[in-house]
Amino acid sequence: MTTNVTRPEVLRYTAFSSAPDGGNPAGVVLDAAGLDDGDMLAIAAELGYSESAFLTPPPEGLGGQEGRAYRIRYFSPKAEVPFCGHATVAAAVALAERIGPGELLFATRAGTVPVEVTEEGGAFRAALTSVEPHVEDVADADLAEALAALDWPAADLDPAFPPRIAFAGARHLVLAAATRARLADLAYDFARLETLMHRLDLTTVQLVWRESATVFHVRDPFPVGGVVEDPATGAAAAAFGAYARELGLVPDDAVLTLYQGEDLGRPGELTVTLRAGDRRVRVDGAGARIG
């Protein structure tokens, strides 16, 4: 640390699972006021999780209830990211254990993100509402490069789900597999995909397979964060919800279930809620302390 203050407590929580060995683990620092960027990056790298969350007092004018509003920043082991869903859920659950369930408000680099934490039977569940999303086309050459890096033949894509780049706080390339077997077989060129993702400013590649009208299985390569695969990705889930609605693949009012982490041995469940008349996407899931 570059300051003389004592290193703050670094908590470990998982998101999108009520079991510590499921979902996606995140580091959480509830009082990061004494840390600079290098300190936060060093802590994130030391933990080795896909992201860690660092909370400081809220910026002026953020609003929210006193004591329940914060600035939040997210660091992977390699760099800061503008928004991270699972670390938001982890931080919200950590706060709820200390100040109780209810409404929270986070100022992120991507915008303001409200979170509602509920408790049932001693277990906490956090629901975040994304910033305004958007969806854009992906160039044919960029799609070809992504498929080459993944070693996925174009014929293995589901034609009902056109490739797009979707944003709901961070940018994700959405690619849909035609079969569950295709999704399960993931062995990609780390450096090649990382290079493409940096050029397109992507946070993850959201790989999906549709099991039923409202149930999906997903995986998220995350080489730009120094992690082969993210076990449960709230930001990508929000982006996927926006993508599915905009392309008319689901109704304007819909509740989607995304299963992620099964292929990594860390099963998690993400609920994506879409509401007619509100372009924002709600993503919720359970959380639990690790250790």
Protein backbone atom coordinates (compact mmCIF):
# COMPACT_ATOMS: atom_id res chain seq x y z
CA MET A 1 0.00 0.00 0.00
CA THR A 2 1.16 3.50 -0.75
CA THR A 3 -0.38 4.97 2.42
CA ASN A 4 0.38 4.47 6.09
CA VAL A 5 -3.07 3.19 7.00
CA THR A 6 -3.64 -0.41 8.02
CA ARG A 7 -4.67 -2.71 5.19
CA PRO A 8 -8.47 -3.01 5.24
CA GLU A 9 -10.20 -6.33 5.74
CA VAL A 10 -10.60 -8.28 2.51
CA LEU A 11 -13.76 -10.37 2.55
CA ARG A 12 -14.54 -13.32 0.29
CA TYR A 13 -18.06 -13.98 -0.93
CA THR A 14 -19.63 -16.01 -3.69
CA ALA A 15 -22.46 -14.71 -5.86
CA PHE A 16 -25.31 -16.49 -7.64
CA SER A 17 -25.19 -19.44 -5.26
CA SER A 18 -26.15 -20.01 -1.64
CA ALA A 19 -23.27 -22.50 -1.31
CA PRO A 20 -19.70 -21.22 -0.80
CA ASP A 21 -18.37 -23.71 -3.35
CA GLY A 22 -20.85 -22.65 -6.04
CA GLY A 23 -21.31 -19.49 -8.07
CA ASN A 24 -18.60 -16.93 -8.66
CA PRO A 25 -16.26 -15.87 -5.85
CA ALA A 26 -15.34 -12.21 -5.39
CA GLY A 27 -13.20 -10.22 -3.05
CA VAL A 28 -15.00 -7.42 -1.20
CA VAL A 29 -13.40 -4.48 0.59
CA LEU A 30 -16.09 -2.49 2.38
CA ASP A 31 -13.77 0.40 3.30
CA ALA A 32 -11.31 1.06 0.49
CA ALA A 33 -10.88 4.78 1.20
CA GLY A 34 -7.19 4.34 2.03
CA LEU A 35 -6.37 2.42 -1.15
CA ASP A 36 -5.13 3.78 -4.45
CA ASP A 37 -5.53 2.11 -7.85
CA GLY A 38 -2.33 0.11 -7.47
CA ASP A 39 -3.39 -1.18 -4.07
CA MET A 40 -6.76 -2.33 -5.38
CA LEU A 41 -5.20 -4.05 -8.38
CA ALA A 42 -2.65 -5.77 -6.13
CA ILE A 43 -5.38 -7.09 -3.82
CA ALA A 44 -7.41 -8.34 -6.79
CA ALA A 45 -4.36 -10.06 -8.25
CA GLU A 46 -3.49 -11.63 -4.91
CA LEU A 47 -7.00 -13.05 -4.55
CA GLY A 48 -7.03 -14.30 -8.14
CA TYR A 49 -10.81 -14.09 -8.46
CA SER A 50 -12.27 -12.82 -11.72
CA GLU A 51 -13.19 -9.54 -9.97
CA SER A 52 -13.07 -7.88 -6.58
CA ALA A 53 -15.20 -4.94 -5.39
CA PHE A 54 -13.89 -1.90 -3.50
CA LEU A 55 -16.31 0.46 -1.72
CA THR A 56 -15.73 4.08 -0.75
CA PRO A 57 -18.06 6.92 0.35
CA PRO A 58 -20.59 8.00 -2.29
CA PRO A 59 -19.94 10.89 -4.66
CA GLU A 60 -21.80 14.10 -3.95
CA GLY A 61 -25.35 14.07 -5.27
CA LEU A 62 -25.65 10.28 -5.67
CA GLY A 63 -28.73 10.11 -3.47
CA GLY A 64 -29.95 6.98 -1.76
CA GLN A 65 -30.45 6.35 1.92
CA GLU A 66 -27.80 7.59 4.32
CA GLY A 67 -25.33 4.82 5.05
CA ARG A 68 -26.62 2.72 2.16
CA ALA A 69 -25.02 4.47 -0.82
CA TYR A 70 -21.45 3.94 -2.03
CA ARG A 71 -19.00 4.39 -4.84
CA ILE A 72 -17.92 0.95 -6.02
CA ARG A 73 -14.99 -0.01 -8.24
CA TYR A 74 -14.13 -3.40 -9.70
CA PHE A 75 -10.73 -4.88 -10.43
CA SER A 76 -9.82 -8.13 -12.15
CA PRO A 77 -6.32 -9.53 -11.55
CA LYS A 78 -5.16 -7.56 -14.60
CA ALA A 79 -7.19 -4.34 -14.83
CA GLU A 80 -10.12 -2.26 -13.63
CA VAL A 81 -13.48 -3.04 -15.26
CA PRO A 82 -16.40 -0.59 -15.51
CA PHE A 83 -19.04 -2.88 -14.05
CA CYS A 84 -19.24 -6.35 -12.55
CA GLY A 85 -22.52 -8.00 -11.64
CA HIS A 86 -21.31 -10.83 -9.43
CA ALA A 87 -19.04 -8.58 -7.35
CA THR A 88 -22.00 -6.19 -6.94
CA VAL A 89 -24.12 -9.03 -5.59
CA ALA A 90 -21.27 -10.16 -3.33
CA ALA A 91 -20.76 -6.64 -1.96
CA ALA A 92 -24.50 -6.18 -1.42
CA VAL A 93 -24.76 -9.42 0.54
CA ALA A 94 -21.71 -8.49 2.62
CA LEU A 95 -23.32 -5.15 3.43
CA ALA A 96 -26.68 -6.73 4.23
CA GLU A 97 -25.03 -8.99 6.80
CA ARG A 98 -23.78 -5.87 8.55
CA ILE A 99 -26.49 -3.24 8.06
CA GLY A 100 -29.49 -5.39 7.17
CA PRO A 101 -31.42 -6.06 3.96
CA GLY A 102 -33.03 -3.28 1.96
CA GLU A 103 -32.17 -0.79 -0.76
CA LEU A 104 -28.58 0.04 -1.70
CA LEU A 105 -27.27 2.47 -4.31
CA PHE A 106 -23.91 2.08 -6.05
CA ALA A 107 -22.08 4.62 -8.19
CA THR A 108 -20.12 2.61 -10.79
CA ARG A 109 -17.98 3.78 -13.70
CA ALA A 110 -20.82 2.62 -15.97
CA GLY A 111 -23.50 4.59 -14.09
CA THR A 112 -25.77 4.34 -11.07
CA VAL A 113 -26.86 0.81 -10.10
CA PRO A 114 -29.59 0.28 -7.48
CA VAL A 115 -29.60 -3.03 -5.61
CA GLU A 116 -32.33 -4.54 -3.46
CA VAL A 117 -31.32 -7.14 -0.88
CA THR A 118 -33.90 -9.47 0.64
CA GLU A 119 -33.57 -12.08 3.38
CA GLU A 120 -35.38 -15.37 3.76
CA GLY A 121 -34.51 -17.95 6.38
CA GLY A 122 -31.22 -16.25 7.16
CA ALA A 123 -30.08 -16.30 3.52
CA PHE A 124 -29.65 -13.15 1.44
CA ARG A 125 -30.52 -12.52 -2.18
CA ALA A 126 -29.48 -9.40 -4.11
CA ALA A 127 -31.16 -7.95 -7.21
CA LEU A 128 -29.33 -5.32 -9.25
CA THR A 129 -30.87 -3.09 -11.90
CA SER A 130 -28.56 -2.39 -14.83
CA VAL A 131 -27.81 0.88 -16.52
CA GLU A 132 -29.53 1.57 -19.85
CA PRO A 133 -28.48 -1.23 -22.23
CA HIS A 134 -27.86 -1.27 -25.96
CA VAL A 135 -27.10 -3.86 -28.64
CA GLU A 136 -24.97 -3.46 -31.75
CA ASP A 137 -23.93 -5.50 -34.76
CA VAL A 138 -20.59 -7.29 -34.91
CA ALA A 139 -18.51 -7.07 -38.08
CA ASP A 140 -18.18 -10.26 -40.12
CA ALA A 141 -14.38 -10.21 -39.82
CA ASP A 142 -14.54 -9.81 -36.03
CA LEU A 143 -17.03 -12.66 -35.76
CA ALA A 144 -14.79 -14.87 -37.88
CA GLU A 145 -11.82 -14.05 -35.65
CA ALA A 146 -13.81 -14.83 -32.50
CA LEU A 147 -14.90 -18.19 -33.88
CA ALA A 148 -11.35 -18.99 -34.95
CA ALA A 149 -10.03 -18.17 -31.47
CA LEU A 150 -12.73 -20.37 -29.91
CA ASP A 151 -12.19 -23.10 -32.52
CA TRP A 152 -15.94 -23.11 -33.16
CA PRO A 153 -17.10 -23.82 -36.72
CA ALA A 154 -19.74 -21.34 -37.84
CA ALA A 155 -22.07 -24.31 -38.43
CA ASP A 156 -22.10 -24.93 -34.66
CA LEU A 157 -23.88 -21.62 -33.99
CA ASP A 158 -27.63 -21.47 -33.39
CA PRO A 159 -29.05 -19.53 -36.37
CA ALA A 160 -31.99 -18.31 -34.24
CA PHE A 161 -29.57 -16.22 -32.14
CA PRO A 162 -27.62 -13.81 -34.35
CA PRO A 163 -24.21 -12.77 -32.98
CA ARG A 164 -24.27 -9.31 -31.43
CA ILE A 165 -22.34 -7.12 -29.00
CA ALA A 166 -24.54 -6.29 -26.02
CA PHE A 167 -23.98 -3.73 -23.26
CA ALA A 168 -25.62 -3.31 -19.85
CA GLY A 169 -22.69 -1.78 -17.99
CA ALA A 170 -19.97 -3.65 -19.90
CA ARG A 171 -19.60 -4.95 -23.47
CA HIS A 172 -20.06 -8.65 -24.24
CA LEU A 173 -20.04 -10.57 -27.51
CA VAL A 174 -23.06 -12.90 -27.51
CA LEU A 175 -22.63 -16.19 -29.38
CA ALA A 176 -25.19 -19.00 -29.20
CA ALA A 177 -24.25 -22.66 -29.50
CA ALA A 178 -26.57 -24.99 -31.38
CA THR A 179 -26.06 -27.81 -28.85
CA ARG A 180 -25.20 -28.27 -25.19
CA ALA A 181 -22.24 -30.43 -26.27
CA ARG A 182 -20.81 -27.51 -28.25
CA LEU A 183 -21.08 -25.25 -25.21
CA ALA A 184 -19.46 -27.86 -22.97
CA ASP A 185 -16.46 -28.27 -25.28
CA LEU A 186 -14.56 -25.06 -24.57
CA ALA A 187 -10.81 -25.01 -25.23
CA TYR A 188 -9.87 -21.68 -26.79
CA ASP A 189 -6.77 -19.72 -27.84
CA PHE A 190 -6.34 -17.45 -24.82
CA ALA A 191 -3.98 -14.91 -26.38
CA ARG A 192 -5.85 -14.70 -29.69
CA LEU A 193 -9.22 -14.13 -28.04
CA GLU A 194 -7.71 -11.64 -25.60
CA THR A 195 -6.29 -9.58 -28.46
CA LEU A 196 -9.65 -9.43 -30.23
CA MET A 197 -11.49 -8.55 -27.03
CA HIS A 198 -9.13 -5.68 -26.26
CA ARG A 199 -9.63 -4.33 -29.77
CA LEU A 200 -13.44 -4.50 -29.44
CA ASP A 201 -13.44 -3.37 -25.77
CA LEU A 202 -15.18 -6.56 -24.66
CA THR A 203 -15.32 -7.71 -21.05
CA THR A 204 -16.36 -11.32 -21.77
CA VAL A 205 -17.70 -13.45 -24.57
CA GLN A 206 -21.18 -14.62 -23.56
CA LEU A 207 -21.64 -18.15 -24.88
CA VAL A 208 -25.21 -19.43 -24.55
CA TRP A 209 -27.31 -22.50 -25.27
CA ARG A 210 -31.09 -22.39 -25.07
CA GLU A 211 -32.63 -25.30 -23.16
CA SER A 212 -36.20 -24.00 -23.28
CA ALA A 213 -38.16 -20.80 -23.87
CA THR A 214 -36.83 -19.17 -20.68
CA VAL A 215 -33.93 -21.38 -19.58
CA PHE A 216 -30.36 -20.95 -20.83
CA HIS A 217 -26.94 -22.37 -20.05
CA VAL A 218 -24.07 -19.91 -20.38
CA ARG A 219 -20.27 -19.70 -20.21
CA ASP A 220 -18.03 -16.62 -20.26
CA PRO A 221 -14.39 -16.69 -21.35
CA PHE A 222 -12.60 -13.77 -19.65
CA PRO A 223 -8.99 -13.61 -20.90
CA VAL A 224 -8.84 -9.80 -20.68
CA GLY A 225 -9.21 -10.18 -16.91
CA GLY A 226 -6.49 -12.80 -16.70
CA VAL A 227 -9.04 -15.56 -16.08
CA VAL A 228 -9.80 -18.42 -18.47
CA GLU A 229 -13.49 -18.46 -17.58
CA ASP A 230 -15.81 -16.50 -15.32
CA PRO A 231 -17.99 -18.91 -13.27
CA ALA A 232 -21.11 -16.66 -13.05
CA THR A 233 -21.37 -13.33 -14.83
CA GLY A 234 -24.05 -10.85 -13.77
CA ALA A 235 -23.02 -8.10 -16.20
CA ALA A 236 -23.16 -10.53 -19.12
CA ALA A 237 -26.52 -11.85 -17.91
CA ALA A 238 -27.90 -8.31 -17.98
CA ALA A 239 -26.45 -7.74 -21.45
CA PHE A 240 -27.93 -11.03 -22.65
CA GLY A 241 -31.37 -10.08 -21.33
CA ALA A 242 -31.22 -6.83 -23.30
CA TYR A 243 -30.03 -8.72 -26.39
CA ALA A 244 -32.76 -11.37 -26.19
CA ARG A 245 -35.49 -8.78 -25.77
CA GLU A 246 -34.26 -6.46 -28.53
CA LEU A 247 -34.07 -9.32 -31.03
CA GLY A 248 -37.56 -10.53 -30.08
CA LEU A 249 -36.27 -13.85 -28.76
CA VAL A 250 -38.19 -13.40 -25.50
CA PRO A 251 -41.21 -11.24 -24.58
CA ASP A 252 -40.84 -7.70 -23.26
CA ASP A 253 -42.06 -9.06 -19.92
CA ALA A 254 -40.03 -12.16 -19.11
CA VAL A 255 -38.15 -13.95 -16.36
CA LEU A 256 -35.16 -15.92 -17.64
CA THR A 257 -33.07 -18.47 -15.76
CA LEU A 258 -29.38 -18.72 -16.64
CA TYR A 259 -27.32 -21.64 -15.39
CA GLN A 260 -23.58 -21.06 -15.33
CA GLY A 261 -20.54 -22.70 -13.78
CA GLU A 262 -21.70 -26.30 -14.17
CA ASP A 263 -18.81 -27.09 -16.51
CA LEU A 264 -16.36 -25.62 -13.96
CA GLY A 265 -17.73 -27.48 -10.97
CA ARG A 266 -19.10 -24.23 -9.49
CA PRO A 267 -22.82 -24.31 -10.38
CA GLY A 268 -24.66 -21.02 -10.15
CA GLU A 269 -28.08 -19.65 -11.06
CA LEU A 270 -28.85 -16.14 -12.34
CA THR A 271 -32.37 -14.78 -12.71
CA VAL A 272 -32.89 -12.12 -15.39
CA THR A 273 -36.09 -10.08 -15.26
CA LEU A 274 -37.34 -7.95 -18.14
CA ARG A 275 -40.19 -5.48 -17.71
CA ALA A 276 -42.23 -3.83 -20.45
CA GLY A 277 -41.67 -0.09 -20.50
CA ASP A 278 -38.31 -0.31 -18.70
CA ARG A 279 -35.25 -0.89 -20.86
CA ARG A 280 -33.08 -1.65 -17.86
CA VAL A 281 -32.48 -5.29 -16.90
CA ARG A 282 -32.78 -6.77 -13.42
CA VAL A 283 -30.40 -9.57 -12.42
CA ASP A 284 -30.64 -11.33 -9.09
CA GLY A 285 -29.16 -14.22 -7.22
CA ALA A 286 -28.13 -15.58 -3.87
CA GLY A 287 -24.83 -14.90 -2.15
CA ALA A 288 -22.80 -16.48 0.64
CA ARG A 289 -19.61 -15.84 2.56
CA ILE A 290 -16.64 -18.05 1.79
CA GLY A 291 -14.85 -19.30 4.90
